[in-house]
Each structure stands twice: as C-alpha cells, then as structure tokens.
Amino acid sequence: MFAVFKTGGKQYKVRAGDKLEVERLSANAGETVQFNDVLMLGGDSPVLGAPLVDGAAVQAEVVEQIRGEKVIHYVRRRRKHSSKRTKGHRQHLTVLTVTEILASGGADTGVKAAIGTGKAPMPEAAAAPAAKKAKKAAPAADAPVAEAAAPAAGADDLKKLSGVGPALEKKLLAAGITSFAQIAAWTEEDIAAIDEQLSFKGRIEREGWVEQAKTLAGAS
C-alpha cells in the first residue's frame, strides 16, 4: 500500500520503508511524527480524499535535520543601468524514514503531528531578539505621554469665528488669545502684529474677526 500526503506545500507518494526529504519539521532526530494530511491511499482498494482521507495517517521517524544544495538566484534588471543581484540559498530539510501507513485510526495514535517550522512556536533563542526589539519599539511605561493642547479653563470657543477651525484655534490659544473680548479690543497695530506672528495673511480683516468678536463677546 502507498499513500500520498502533503507537507510544506508539496505532495509526496510514499510506501513503508521509504526515505525522503521534506521541508524542515519542528522535531528532533529519533522522534516519530505523523502526517495527517493524507490525500490518497493506494493498493488493492484505492481511496481518494475529499480532499483528505478521513482517519488516514503516515508515520515517519526523523533521521536528521540537513540543508539542501546551494541554489544561486540571479536577477538582472533591464533598463536599470545594468543592475543585477546574485544570492545563494540552502533550504532547511528534514530527512525521514516512513515507518507505517495507517488507513484509519490516525487520530487515536497519540503520535506527535508533523509541524513545519513556520507554524511552530519560536525557540527561546530566536524569541529573545524579537521580544527585545518589541520592547525597544514600545514606549516606556513611566515616560510622560504628550497630550493634545486643550483650551484653558474659561476660554471662549474661538471656533465660532468665521474661518477658525481646530488647528487655527490651537494657534490662537498657543499665542495666549483665549477670549472674544481680547479680539474685540484689537487695534490696527495689534492686528498687524498677530497677522505677522501667526502667518494669517490678512485673514483677520478679511473674515472680520474683530466685529464678530464684539458681537460674540456681548452675547456671552
């Protein structure tokens, strides 16, 4: 009997006793692992999965962890001033010996399921740098958190002036202008000075803030 199972994005056709290399698994040499994603069982009575064969499993013993042959990856970009890049890669692999093919009862064996290293928890050695990086990126608990500037207590709602939004109101508050009465009392010299200081570019006179402030101050 043979079985077709999948692991690491690939499919393998195996029989008991076969030796094969698969994408690296989270297991040590000498351990027995079980593949539960069986797509087909072959033999006298072939069984096709839909997509998997219910209860079927393939058990194998881990022989060793190795790295595959080096593969050279070469990239050349046309019209990029002859830009090119060459890099090598050696895939991490696990060598297995298939020990048994189960047509049923795979869920009750208690054998460790084969898990790829991409899905396995990070070992402590690899997790430490990641945790350190996350700690560095996160703000310290004791560090003061900057808060958005809020209007001083008792300040008027300057957004009632024509053309004044939250950003402009923030500028006025930062300059110490908190009430309609202050704006109503501006002289031509005051208007020119504030216009230059806050880069309003004639907005004060254009929008008629002084007249509006006198009305609003009287209404409040």
N, C-alpha and C. Protein backbone atom coordinates (compact mmCIF):
# COMPACT_ATOMS: atom_id res chain seq x y z
N MET A 1 0.84 -1.20 0.00
CA MET A 1 0.00 0.00 0.00
C MET A 1 0.88 1.24 0.00
N PHE A 2 0.43 2.25 -0.72
CA PHE A 2 1.15 3.52 -0.70
C PHE A 2 0.18 4.64 -0.31
N ALA A 3 0.75 5.79 0.03
CA ALA A 3 -0.06 6.95 0.42
C ALA A 3 0.51 8.19 -0.23
N VAL A 4 -0.36 9.12 -0.49
CA VAL A 4 0.05 10.44 -0.97
C VAL A 4 -0.35 11.44 0.11
N PHE A 5 0.63 12.13 0.68
CA PHE A 5 0.32 13.13 1.71
C PHE A 5 0.99 14.45 1.34
N LYS A 6 0.59 15.51 2.03
CA LYS A 6 1.19 16.81 1.74
C LYS A 6 1.79 17.41 3.00
N THR A 7 2.90 18.13 2.79
CA THR A 7 3.56 18.87 3.86
C THR A 7 4.46 19.91 3.21
N GLY A 8 4.55 21.06 3.82
CA GLY A 8 5.40 22.12 3.28
C GLY A 8 5.01 22.59 1.89
N GLY A 9 3.72 22.48 1.56
CA GLY A 9 3.26 22.92 0.25
C GLY A 9 3.58 21.95 -0.88
N LYS A 10 4.04 20.74 -0.55
CA LYS A 10 4.37 19.74 -1.58
C LYS A 10 3.66 18.43 -1.27
N GLN A 11 3.52 17.60 -2.30
CA GLN A 11 2.90 16.29 -2.14
C GLN A 11 3.95 15.19 -2.33
N TYR A 12 3.82 14.12 -1.54
CA TYR A 12 4.79 13.03 -1.59
C TYR A 12 4.05 11.70 -1.67
N LYS A 13 4.51 10.82 -2.55
CA LYS A 13 3.97 9.46 -2.66
C LYS A 13 4.97 8.53 -1.97
N VAL A 14 4.53 7.82 -0.93
CA VAL A 14 5.46 7.03 -0.13
C VAL A 14 4.89 5.64 0.17
N ARG A 15 5.80 4.74 0.48
CA ARG A 15 5.47 3.41 0.99
C ARG A 15 6.24 3.21 2.29
N ALA A 16 5.85 2.26 3.09
CA ALA A 16 6.57 1.96 4.33
C ALA A 16 8.02 1.61 4.01
N GLY A 17 8.95 2.21 4.72
CA GLY A 17 10.37 1.96 4.49
C GLY A 17 11.03 3.01 3.60
N ASP A 18 10.25 3.84 2.91
CA ASP A 18 10.83 4.87 2.05
C ASP A 18 11.55 5.93 2.88
N LYS A 19 12.63 6.45 2.30
CA LYS A 19 13.37 7.55 2.92
C LYS A 19 13.20 8.78 2.03
N LEU A 20 12.87 9.91 2.63
CA LEU A 20 12.62 11.11 1.83
C LEU A 20 13.02 12.36 2.61
N GLU A 21 13.14 13.45 1.84
CA GLU A 21 13.47 14.76 2.42
C GLU A 21 12.26 15.67 2.24
N VAL A 22 11.85 16.33 3.33
CA VAL A 22 10.72 17.26 3.28
C VAL A 22 11.15 18.61 3.84
N GLU A 23 10.29 19.62 3.64
CA GLU A 23 10.56 20.93 4.24
C GLU A 23 10.73 20.73 5.75
N ARG A 24 11.63 21.51 6.33
CA ARG A 24 12.03 21.28 7.72
C ARG A 24 10.84 21.20 8.68
N LEU A 25 10.88 20.19 9.57
CA LEU A 25 9.85 19.99 10.58
C LEU A 25 10.38 20.36 11.95
N SER A 26 9.48 20.70 12.83
CA SER A 26 9.86 21.01 14.21
C SER A 26 9.93 19.71 15.00
N ALA A 27 11.05 19.00 14.85
CA ALA A 27 11.23 17.71 15.52
C ALA A 27 12.72 17.39 15.58
N ASN A 28 13.10 16.58 16.55
CA ASN A 28 14.50 16.19 16.70
C ASN A 28 14.74 14.80 16.12
N ALA A 29 16.00 14.52 15.81
CA ALA A 29 16.36 13.20 15.28
C ALA A 29 15.95 12.11 16.26
N GLY A 30 15.36 11.04 15.73
CA GLY A 30 14.92 9.93 16.55
C GLY A 30 13.45 10.00 16.93
N GLU A 31 12.82 11.16 16.76
CA GLU A 31 11.40 11.30 17.08
C GLU A 31 10.54 10.70 15.97
N THR A 32 9.35 10.26 16.35
CA THR A 32 8.37 9.78 15.37
C THR A 32 7.30 10.85 15.20
N VAL A 33 7.01 11.19 13.97
CA VAL A 33 6.00 12.20 13.68
C VAL A 33 4.92 11.60 12.78
N GLN A 34 3.78 12.25 12.77
CA GLN A 34 2.66 11.72 11.99
C GLN A 34 2.09 12.79 11.07
N PHE A 35 1.92 12.44 9.80
CA PHE A 35 1.32 13.33 8.81
C PHE A 35 -0.15 12.95 8.66
N ASN A 36 -1.04 13.88 8.95
CA ASN A 36 -2.48 13.61 8.91
C ASN A 36 -3.14 14.10 7.63
N ASP A 37 -2.41 14.89 6.82
CA ASP A 37 -2.98 15.40 5.58
C ASP A 37 -2.75 14.39 4.45
N VAL A 38 -3.46 13.28 4.51
CA VAL A 38 -3.32 12.22 3.50
C VAL A 38 -4.36 12.45 2.41
N LEU A 39 -3.88 12.56 1.18
CA LEU A 39 -4.76 12.86 0.04
C LEU A 39 -5.27 11.61 -0.66
N MET A 40 -4.49 10.52 -0.53
CA MET A 40 -4.89 9.29 -1.24
C MET A 40 -4.22 8.08 -0.62
N LEU A 41 -4.92 7.00 -0.62
CA LEU A 41 -4.35 5.70 -0.24
C LEU A 41 -4.45 4.78 -1.46
N GLY A 42 -3.33 4.16 -1.82
CA GLY A 42 -3.31 3.27 -2.98
C GLY A 42 -3.11 1.83 -2.57
N GLY A 43 -3.43 0.92 -3.46
CA GLY A 43 -3.30 -0.51 -3.18
C GLY A 43 -4.42 -1.28 -3.83
N ASP A 44 -4.86 -2.33 -3.18
CA ASP A 44 -5.94 -3.15 -3.73
C ASP A 44 -7.26 -2.39 -3.77
N SER A 45 -7.47 -1.52 -2.77
CA SER A 45 -8.71 -0.71 -2.73
C SER A 45 -8.34 0.76 -2.58
N PRO A 46 -8.03 1.42 -3.68
CA PRO A 46 -7.61 2.83 -3.60
C PRO A 46 -8.71 3.71 -2.99
N VAL A 47 -8.28 4.70 -2.22
CA VAL A 47 -9.21 5.65 -1.59
C VAL A 47 -8.72 7.05 -1.90
N LEU A 48 -9.62 7.85 -2.47
CA LEU A 48 -9.29 9.25 -2.77
C LEU A 48 -9.93 10.14 -1.71
N GLY A 49 -9.16 11.10 -1.21
CA GLY A 49 -9.69 12.02 -0.21
C GLY A 49 -10.54 13.10 -0.84
N ALA A 50 -11.35 13.75 0.03
CA ALA A 50 -12.21 14.82 -0.47
C ALA A 50 -12.18 16.04 0.47
N PRO A 51 -11.08 16.76 0.60
CA PRO A 51 -9.81 16.50 -0.08
C PRO A 51 -8.90 15.51 0.66
N LEU A 52 -9.19 15.21 1.97
CA LEU A 52 -8.34 14.32 2.75
C LEU A 52 -9.07 13.01 3.02
N VAL A 53 -8.27 11.97 3.24
CA VAL A 53 -8.83 10.67 3.59
C VAL A 53 -9.06 10.66 5.10
N ASP A 54 -10.30 10.52 5.51
CA ASP A 54 -10.66 10.59 6.91
C ASP A 54 -10.02 9.46 7.71
N GLY A 55 -9.27 9.84 8.77
CA GLY A 55 -8.67 8.85 9.66
C GLY A 55 -7.33 8.30 9.20
N ALA A 56 -6.92 8.59 7.95
CA ALA A 56 -5.65 8.06 7.44
C ALA A 56 -4.49 8.90 7.96
N ALA A 57 -3.32 8.27 8.04
CA ALA A 57 -2.13 8.96 8.52
C ALA A 57 -0.88 8.24 8.03
N VAL A 58 0.21 9.00 7.97
CA VAL A 58 1.51 8.44 7.62
C VAL A 58 2.47 8.75 8.76
N GLN A 59 3.08 7.73 9.32
CA GLN A 59 4.04 7.91 10.41
C GLN A 59 5.46 7.73 9.88
N ALA A 60 6.35 8.57 10.41
CA ALA A 60 7.75 8.51 9.96
C ALA A 60 8.68 8.86 11.10
N GLU A 61 9.89 8.34 11.02
CA GLU A 61 10.91 8.63 12.03
C GLU A 61 11.87 9.67 11.47
N VAL A 62 12.18 10.68 12.29
CA VAL A 62 13.10 11.73 11.88
C VAL A 62 14.54 11.19 11.96
N VAL A 63 15.23 11.23 10.83
CA VAL A 63 16.61 10.73 10.78
C VAL A 63 17.59 11.85 11.15
N GLU A 64 17.45 12.99 10.48
CA GLU A 64 18.34 14.12 10.76
C GLU A 64 17.78 15.40 10.13
N GLN A 65 18.32 16.53 10.58
CA GLN A 65 18.00 17.83 10.00
C GLN A 65 19.19 18.25 9.15
N ILE A 66 18.94 18.60 7.90
CA ILE A 66 20.04 18.95 6.99
C ILE A 66 19.70 20.23 6.23
N ARG A 67 20.61 20.63 5.38
CA ARG A 67 20.37 21.75 4.46
C ARG A 67 20.62 21.25 3.05
N GLY A 68 19.75 21.65 2.14
CA GLY A 68 19.85 21.20 0.77
C GLY A 68 21.01 21.83 0.03
N GLU A 69 21.14 21.47 -1.24
CA GLU A 69 22.21 22.03 -2.06
C GLU A 69 22.00 23.52 -2.28
N LYS A 70 23.09 24.22 -2.45
CA LYS A 70 23.01 25.67 -2.64
C LYS A 70 22.43 25.99 -4.02
N VAL A 71 21.46 26.91 -4.00
CA VAL A 71 20.82 27.35 -5.24
C VAL A 71 21.18 28.82 -5.46
N ILE A 72 21.66 29.13 -6.65
CA ILE A 72 22.04 30.51 -6.98
C ILE A 72 20.86 31.20 -7.64
N HIS A 73 20.50 32.32 -7.08
CA HIS A 73 19.38 33.12 -7.62
C HIS A 73 19.97 34.39 -8.23
N TYR A 74 19.80 34.55 -9.53
CA TYR A 74 20.40 35.68 -10.24
C TYR A 74 19.29 36.54 -10.84
N VAL A 75 19.35 37.83 -10.55
CA VAL A 75 18.34 38.77 -11.08
C VAL A 75 19.06 39.90 -11.81
N ARG A 76 18.64 40.14 -13.05
CA ARG A 76 19.19 41.25 -13.81
C ARG A 76 18.02 42.12 -14.26
N ARG A 77 18.13 43.42 -14.02
CA ARG A 77 17.06 44.34 -14.38
C ARG A 77 17.44 45.13 -15.62
N ARG A 78 16.66 44.98 -16.67
CA ARG A 78 16.91 45.73 -17.89
C ARG A 78 16.53 47.19 -17.66
N ARG A 79 17.24 48.05 -18.39
CA ARG A 79 16.99 49.50 -18.36
C ARG A 79 17.14 50.08 -16.96
N LYS A 80 17.91 49.43 -16.14
CA LYS A 80 18.19 49.95 -14.80
C LYS A 80 19.70 50.09 -14.61
N HIS A 81 20.36 50.58 -15.64
CA HIS A 81 21.82 50.75 -15.62
C HIS A 81 22.51 49.42 -15.33
N SER A 82 21.99 48.37 -15.97
CA SER A 82 22.57 47.02 -15.84
C SER A 82 22.62 46.55 -14.39
N SER A 83 21.61 46.93 -13.60
CA SER A 83 21.55 46.49 -12.21
C SER A 83 21.36 44.97 -12.15
N LYS A 84 22.10 44.32 -11.28
CA LYS A 84 21.97 42.87 -11.14
C LYS A 84 22.28 42.46 -9.71
N ARG A 85 21.76 41.31 -9.34
CA ARG A 85 21.95 40.83 -7.97
C ARG A 85 22.06 39.31 -7.99
N THR A 86 22.98 38.79 -7.22
CA THR A 86 23.16 37.35 -7.11
C THR A 86 23.12 36.96 -5.64
N LYS A 87 22.32 35.97 -5.32
CA LYS A 87 22.30 35.50 -3.93
C LYS A 87 22.11 33.99 -3.92
N GLY A 88 22.64 33.37 -2.88
CA GLY A 88 22.54 31.92 -2.75
C GLY A 88 21.54 31.54 -1.66
N HIS A 89 21.02 30.32 -1.76
CA HIS A 89 20.05 29.85 -0.77
C HIS A 89 20.22 28.34 -0.58
N ARG A 90 20.20 27.92 0.68
CA ARG A 90 20.22 26.48 1.00
C ARG A 90 19.01 26.19 1.88
N GLN A 91 18.09 25.42 1.36
CA GLN A 91 16.84 25.13 2.05
C GLN A 91 17.06 24.19 3.24
N HIS A 92 16.41 24.49 4.36
CA HIS A 92 16.44 23.59 5.52
C HIS A 92 15.50 22.41 5.25
N LEU A 93 16.01 21.21 5.46
CA LEU A 93 15.24 20.00 5.17
C LEU A 93 15.29 19.02 6.35
N THR A 94 14.28 18.15 6.39
CA THR A 94 14.25 17.08 7.39
C THR A 94 14.26 15.74 6.65
N VAL A 95 15.17 14.87 7.03
CA VAL A 95 15.25 13.53 6.42
C VAL A 95 14.39 12.58 7.25
N LEU A 96 13.48 11.86 6.58
CA LEU A 96 12.55 10.96 7.25
C LEU A 96 12.65 9.55 6.70
N THR A 97 12.26 8.59 7.54
CA THR A 97 12.05 7.22 7.10
C THR A 97 10.62 6.86 7.44
N VAL A 98 9.82 6.52 6.42
CA VAL A 98 8.42 6.18 6.64
C VAL A 98 8.35 4.84 7.36
N THR A 99 7.65 4.81 8.49
CA THR A 99 7.57 3.58 9.29
C THR A 99 6.24 2.86 9.13
N GLU A 100 5.14 3.62 8.93
CA GLU A 100 3.84 2.96 8.86
C GLU A 100 2.82 3.85 8.14
N ILE A 101 1.94 3.22 7.40
CA ILE A 101 0.82 3.92 6.75
C ILE A 101 -0.46 3.38 7.35
N LEU A 102 -1.25 4.28 7.93
CA LEU A 102 -2.49 3.89 8.59
C LEU A 102 -3.68 4.26 7.71
N ALA A 103 -4.54 3.29 7.44
CA ALA A 103 -5.73 3.56 6.64
C ALA A 103 -6.83 4.16 7.49
N SER A 104 -6.77 3.96 8.80
CA SER A 104 -7.78 4.51 9.71
C SER A 104 -7.18 4.61 11.11
N GLY A 105 -7.88 5.35 11.98
CA GLY A 105 -7.43 5.45 13.37
C GLY A 105 -6.26 6.38 13.60
N GLY A 106 -5.95 7.21 12.62
CA GLY A 106 -4.82 8.11 12.78
C GLY A 106 -4.98 9.11 13.91
N ALA A 107 -6.22 9.48 14.20
CA ALA A 107 -6.46 10.48 15.25
C ALA A 107 -6.28 9.90 16.64
N ASP A 108 -6.21 8.57 16.78
CA ASP A 108 -6.15 7.95 18.11
C ASP A 108 -4.76 7.40 18.46
N THR A 109 -3.76 7.63 17.62
CA THR A 109 -2.44 7.03 17.87
C THR A 109 -1.67 7.74 18.97
N GLY A 110 -1.91 9.04 19.14
CA GLY A 110 -1.16 9.81 20.14
C GLY A 110 0.22 10.21 19.68
N VAL A 111 0.56 9.93 18.43
CA VAL A 111 1.88 10.31 17.90
C VAL A 111 1.88 11.80 17.56
N LYS A 112 3.00 12.44 17.83
CA LYS A 112 3.13 13.88 17.58
C LYS A 112 2.89 14.21 16.11
N ALA A 113 2.04 15.20 15.87
CA ALA A 113 1.76 15.62 14.49
C ALA A 113 2.96 16.35 13.92
N ALA A 114 3.23 16.12 12.64
CA ALA A 114 4.35 16.79 11.96
C ALA A 114 3.98 18.25 11.73
N ILE A 115 4.79 19.16 12.24
CA ILE A 115 4.53 20.60 12.11
C ILE A 115 5.76 21.26 11.49
N GLY A 116 5.53 22.05 10.45
CA GLY A 116 6.63 22.78 9.83
C GLY A 116 7.15 23.86 10.76
N THR A 117 8.40 24.24 10.61
CA THR A 117 9.00 25.25 11.50
C THR A 117 8.32 26.61 11.34
N GLY A 118 7.67 26.85 10.18
CA GLY A 118 6.98 28.12 10.00
C GLY A 118 5.77 28.24 10.89
N LYS A 119 5.17 27.10 11.31
CA LYS A 119 3.99 27.11 12.16
C LYS A 119 4.32 26.83 13.61
N ALA A 120 5.56 26.39 13.87
CA ALA A 120 5.93 26.04 15.23
C ALA A 120 6.27 27.28 16.05
N PRO A 121 6.12 27.20 17.39
CA PRO A 121 6.50 28.33 18.23
C PRO A 121 7.98 28.61 18.09
N MET A 122 8.37 29.90 18.20
CA MET A 122 9.77 30.25 18.08
C MET A 122 10.54 29.72 19.28
N PRO A 123 11.74 29.15 19.05
CA PRO A 123 12.57 28.75 20.18
C PRO A 123 13.00 29.98 20.96
N GLU A 124 13.41 29.76 22.23
CA GLU A 124 13.75 30.89 23.09
C GLU A 124 14.86 31.75 22.49
N ALA A 125 15.84 31.12 21.85
CA ALA A 125 16.97 31.88 21.29
C ALA A 125 16.51 32.85 20.22
N ALA A 126 15.51 32.43 19.42
CA ALA A 126 15.01 33.31 18.36
C ALA A 126 14.01 34.30 18.92
N ALA A 127 13.28 33.91 19.97
CA ALA A 127 12.25 34.79 20.52
C ALA A 127 12.85 35.95 21.28
N ALA A 128 14.04 35.75 21.88
CA ALA A 128 14.64 36.80 22.69
C ALA A 128 14.90 38.09 21.90
N PRO A 129 15.57 38.04 20.71
CA PRO A 129 15.78 39.28 19.96
C PRO A 129 14.48 39.93 19.55
N ALA A 130 13.46 39.13 19.20
CA ALA A 130 12.18 39.70 18.79
C ALA A 130 11.53 40.43 19.95
N ALA A 131 11.60 39.83 21.16
CA ALA A 131 11.00 40.46 22.34
C ALA A 131 11.75 41.75 22.68
N LYS A 132 13.08 41.70 22.53
CA LYS A 132 13.89 42.88 22.82
C LYS A 132 13.56 44.02 21.87
N LYS A 133 13.36 43.67 20.58
CA LYS A 133 13.02 44.67 19.57
C LYS A 133 11.67 45.29 19.86
N ALA A 134 10.68 44.44 20.26
CA ALA A 134 9.34 44.94 20.57
C ALA A 134 9.37 45.84 21.79
N LYS A 135 10.20 45.48 22.78
CA LYS A 135 10.31 46.29 23.99
C LYS A 135 10.92 47.64 23.68
N LYS A 136 11.89 47.65 22.76
CA LYS A 136 12.54 48.90 22.38
C LYS A 136 11.57 49.80 21.63
N ALA A 137 10.71 49.19 20.79
CA ALA A 137 9.77 49.98 20.00
C ALA A 137 8.64 50.54 20.85
N ALA A 138 8.24 49.80 21.92
CA ALA A 138 7.12 50.25 22.75
C ALA A 138 7.56 51.38 23.65
N PRO A 139 6.71 52.38 23.90
CA PRO A 139 7.08 53.48 24.80
C PRO A 139 7.20 52.98 26.22
N ALA A 140 8.12 53.56 26.97
CA ALA A 140 8.31 53.17 28.36
C ALA A 140 7.07 53.50 29.16
N ALA A 141 6.77 52.64 30.17
CA ALA A 141 5.55 52.84 30.95
C ALA A 141 5.62 54.12 31.76
N ASP A 142 6.85 54.47 32.20
CA ASP A 142 7.00 55.66 33.04
C ASP A 142 7.15 56.93 32.24
N ALA A 143 7.30 56.84 30.92
CA ALA A 143 7.52 58.03 30.12
C ALA A 143 6.25 58.85 30.06
N PRO A 144 6.35 60.17 30.20
CA PRO A 144 5.15 61.02 30.11
C PRO A 144 4.59 60.99 28.70
N VAL A 145 3.29 60.88 28.61
CA VAL A 145 2.62 60.85 27.31
C VAL A 145 2.15 62.25 26.98
N ALA A 146 2.55 62.72 25.78
CA ALA A 146 2.17 64.07 25.37
C ALA A 146 0.68 64.10 25.07
N GLU A 147 0.00 65.07 25.66
CA GLU A 147 -1.43 65.21 25.44
C GLU A 147 -1.70 66.39 24.53
N ALA A 148 -2.78 66.29 23.79
CA ALA A 148 -3.15 67.39 22.90
C ALA A 148 -3.50 68.60 23.73
N ALA A 149 -3.08 69.77 23.25
CA ALA A 149 -3.35 71.01 23.96
C ALA A 149 -4.85 71.23 24.05
N ALA A 150 -5.33 71.50 25.26
CA ALA A 150 -6.77 71.73 25.47
C ALA A 150 -6.98 73.19 25.81
N PRO A 151 -8.14 73.75 25.48
CA PRO A 151 -8.41 75.14 25.81
C PRO A 151 -8.32 75.36 27.31
N ALA A 152 -7.79 76.51 27.70
CA ALA A 152 -7.70 76.82 29.11
C ALA A 152 -9.09 76.94 29.69
N ALA A 153 -9.18 76.71 31.01
CA ALA A 153 -10.49 76.78 31.66
C ALA A 153 -11.08 78.17 31.49
N GLY A 154 -12.33 78.26 31.12
CA GLY A 154 -12.99 79.54 30.96
C GLY A 154 -12.75 80.21 29.61
N ALA A 155 -11.98 79.56 28.72
CA ALA A 155 -11.72 80.16 27.41
C ALA A 155 -12.95 80.07 26.53
N ASP A 156 -13.10 81.06 25.65
CA ASP A 156 -14.24 81.05 24.72
C ASP A 156 -14.01 80.05 23.60
N ASP A 157 -15.08 79.65 22.96
CA ASP A 157 -14.99 78.74 21.82
C ASP A 157 -14.66 79.56 20.58
N LEU A 158 -13.37 79.70 20.30
CA LEU A 158 -12.92 80.56 19.21
C LEU A 158 -13.32 80.02 17.84
N LYS A 159 -13.76 78.78 17.78
CA LYS A 159 -14.18 78.21 16.50
C LYS A 159 -15.47 78.85 15.99
N LYS A 160 -16.12 79.66 16.84
CA LYS A 160 -17.32 80.38 16.40
C LYS A 160 -16.99 81.50 15.43
N LEU A 161 -15.72 81.91 15.42
CA LEU A 161 -15.28 82.94 14.47
C LEU A 161 -15.23 82.35 13.07
N SER A 162 -15.56 83.12 12.08
CA SER A 162 -15.57 82.66 10.70
C SER A 162 -14.17 82.23 10.27
N GLY A 163 -14.08 81.04 9.71
CA GLY A 163 -12.81 80.54 9.18
C GLY A 163 -11.89 79.94 10.22
N VAL A 164 -12.31 79.83 11.49
CA VAL A 164 -11.46 79.27 12.55
C VAL A 164 -11.88 77.82 12.80
N GLY A 165 -10.94 76.92 12.56
CA GLY A 165 -11.17 75.51 12.83
C GLY A 165 -10.32 75.08 14.02
N PRO A 166 -10.28 73.78 14.31
CA PRO A 166 -9.49 73.28 15.44
C PRO A 166 -8.01 73.65 15.36
N ALA A 167 -7.42 73.57 14.16
CA ALA A 167 -5.99 73.88 14.02
C ALA A 167 -5.73 75.36 14.28
N LEU A 168 -6.58 76.22 13.73
CA LEU A 168 -6.40 77.66 13.90
C LEU A 168 -6.67 78.06 15.35
N GLU A 169 -7.66 77.42 15.94
CA GLU A 169 -7.95 77.72 17.35
C GLU A 169 -6.76 77.35 18.22
N LYS A 170 -6.11 76.25 17.89
CA LYS A 170 -4.93 75.82 18.65
C LYS A 170 -3.81 76.87 18.57
N LYS A 171 -3.64 77.46 17.37
CA LYS A 171 -2.63 78.51 17.20
C LYS A 171 -2.95 79.72 18.06
N LEU A 172 -4.23 80.10 18.08
CA LEU A 172 -4.63 81.28 18.86
C LEU A 172 -4.44 81.04 20.35
N LEU A 173 -4.82 79.86 20.81
CA LEU A 173 -4.65 79.54 22.23
C LEU A 173 -3.18 79.52 22.62
N ALA A 174 -2.33 78.99 21.71
CA ALA A 174 -0.89 78.95 22.00
C ALA A 174 -0.30 80.35 22.09
N ALA A 175 -0.93 81.30 21.36
CA ALA A 175 -0.45 82.69 21.40
C ALA A 175 -1.05 83.47 22.56
N GLY A 176 -1.86 82.81 23.39
CA GLY A 176 -2.44 83.47 24.55
C GLY A 176 -3.76 84.16 24.29
N ILE A 177 -4.35 83.92 23.13
CA ILE A 177 -5.64 84.54 22.78
C ILE A 177 -6.74 83.53 23.11
N THR A 178 -7.47 83.81 24.19
CA THR A 178 -8.43 82.83 24.69
C THR A 178 -9.88 83.33 24.72
N SER A 179 -10.11 84.63 24.48
CA SER A 179 -11.49 85.14 24.61
C SER A 179 -11.84 86.07 23.46
N PHE A 180 -13.16 86.21 23.25
CA PHE A 180 -13.66 87.14 22.23
C PHE A 180 -13.36 88.58 22.64
N ALA A 181 -13.34 88.84 23.95
CA ALA A 181 -13.09 90.21 24.44
C ALA A 181 -11.70 90.68 24.02
N GLN A 182 -10.72 89.78 24.06
CA GLN A 182 -9.36 90.13 23.63
C GLN A 182 -9.35 90.54 22.16
N ILE A 183 -10.01 89.75 21.35
CA ILE A 183 -10.02 90.01 19.90
C ILE A 183 -10.80 91.29 19.60
N ALA A 184 -11.88 91.53 20.34
CA ALA A 184 -12.70 92.73 20.12
C ALA A 184 -11.93 94.00 20.41
N ALA A 185 -10.93 93.89 21.29
CA ALA A 185 -10.16 95.07 21.69
C ALA A 185 -8.93 95.31 20.83
N TRP A 186 -8.69 94.50 19.80
CA TRP A 186 -7.51 94.65 18.95
C TRP A 186 -7.56 95.98 18.20
N THR A 187 -6.38 96.61 18.14
CA THR A 187 -6.23 97.80 17.30
C THR A 187 -5.62 97.39 15.98
N GLU A 188 -5.45 98.34 15.08
CA GLU A 188 -4.84 98.02 13.78
C GLU A 188 -3.42 97.50 13.97
N GLU A 189 -2.69 98.06 14.96
CA GLU A 189 -1.33 97.60 15.23
C GLU A 189 -1.34 96.17 15.76
N ASP A 190 -2.31 95.88 16.64
CA ASP A 190 -2.41 94.52 17.17
C ASP A 190 -2.70 93.51 16.05
N ILE A 191 -3.62 93.90 15.17
CA ILE A 191 -3.99 93.00 14.06
C ILE A 191 -2.78 92.72 13.18
N ALA A 192 -1.99 93.78 12.87
CA ALA A 192 -0.82 93.61 12.02
C ALA A 192 0.21 92.71 12.69
N ALA A 193 0.40 92.91 14.02
CA ALA A 193 1.41 92.13 14.75
C ALA A 193 1.00 90.64 14.80
N ILE A 194 -0.27 90.38 15.11
CA ILE A 194 -0.74 88.99 15.22
C ILE A 194 -0.78 88.33 13.84
N ASP A 195 -1.17 89.13 12.84
CA ASP A 195 -1.20 88.61 11.47
C ASP A 195 0.18 88.12 11.03
N GLU A 196 1.20 88.89 11.42
CA GLU A 196 2.58 88.52 11.05
C GLU A 196 3.09 87.37 11.92
N GLN A 197 2.76 87.43 13.21
CA GLN A 197 3.24 86.40 14.14
C GLN A 197 2.71 85.02 13.79
N LEU A 198 1.42 84.94 13.43
CA LEU A 198 0.79 83.65 13.18
C LEU A 198 0.60 83.34 11.70
N SER A 199 1.14 84.19 10.83
CA SER A 199 1.07 83.99 9.38
C SER A 199 -0.37 83.81 8.91
N PHE A 200 -1.24 84.75 9.32
CA PHE A 200 -2.64 84.67 8.92
C PHE A 200 -2.89 85.26 7.54
N LYS A 201 -1.93 86.04 7.02
CA LYS A 201 -2.00 86.57 5.66
C LYS A 201 -3.31 87.35 5.40
N GLY A 202 -3.63 88.28 6.33
CA GLY A 202 -4.80 89.14 6.15
C GLY A 202 -6.12 88.50 6.50
N ARG A 203 -6.08 87.28 7.09
CA ARG A 203 -7.33 86.58 7.39
C ARG A 203 -8.18 87.35 8.40
N ILE A 204 -7.53 88.00 9.39
CA ILE A 204 -8.27 88.68 10.46
C ILE A 204 -9.22 89.72 9.89
N GLU A 205 -8.69 90.59 9.00
CA GLU A 205 -9.52 91.65 8.42
C GLU A 205 -10.47 91.06 7.37
N ARG A 206 -10.00 90.09 6.63
CA ARG A 206 -10.81 89.52 5.57
C ARG A 206 -12.06 88.83 6.13
N GLU A 207 -11.91 88.15 7.27
CA GLU A 207 -13.04 87.44 7.87
C GLU A 207 -13.84 88.32 8.84
N GLY A 208 -13.25 89.50 9.18
CA GLY A 208 -13.97 90.40 10.10
C GLY A 208 -14.04 89.86 11.52
N TRP A 209 -12.93 89.34 12.01
CA TRP A 209 -12.92 88.74 13.34
C TRP A 209 -13.25 89.74 14.44
N VAL A 210 -12.73 90.97 14.31
CA VAL A 210 -12.94 91.96 15.39
C VAL A 210 -14.43 92.23 15.56
N GLU A 211 -15.15 92.46 14.44
CA GLU A 211 -16.60 92.74 14.50
C GLU A 211 -17.35 91.53 15.06
N GLN A 212 -16.94 90.33 14.60
CA GLN A 212 -17.60 89.13 15.08
C GLN A 212 -17.34 88.93 16.59
N ALA A 213 -16.10 89.22 17.01
CA ALA A 213 -15.76 89.05 18.42
C ALA A 213 -16.55 90.00 19.31
N LYS A 214 -16.79 91.23 18.82
CA LYS A 214 -17.58 92.20 19.62
C LYS A 214 -19.00 91.66 19.82
N THR A 215 -19.59 91.11 18.74
CA THR A 215 -20.94 90.56 18.85
C THR A 215 -20.97 89.36 19.77
N LEU A 216 -20.00 88.45 19.59
CA LEU A 216 -19.96 87.24 20.41
C LEU A 216 -19.65 87.54 21.87
N ALA A 217 -18.78 88.54 22.10
CA ALA A 217 -18.44 88.90 23.48
C ALA A 217 -19.65 89.48 24.19
N GLY A 218 -20.46 90.27 23.44
CA GLY A 218 -21.64 90.85 24.06
C GLY A 218 -22.71 89.80 24.33
N ALA A 219 -22.72 88.76 23.51
CA ALA A 219 -23.75 87.72 23.67
C ALA A 219 -23.41 86.76 24.79
N SER A 220 -22.12 86.66 25.13
CA SER A 220 -21.70 85.68 26.15
C SER A 220 -21.84 86.22 27.56
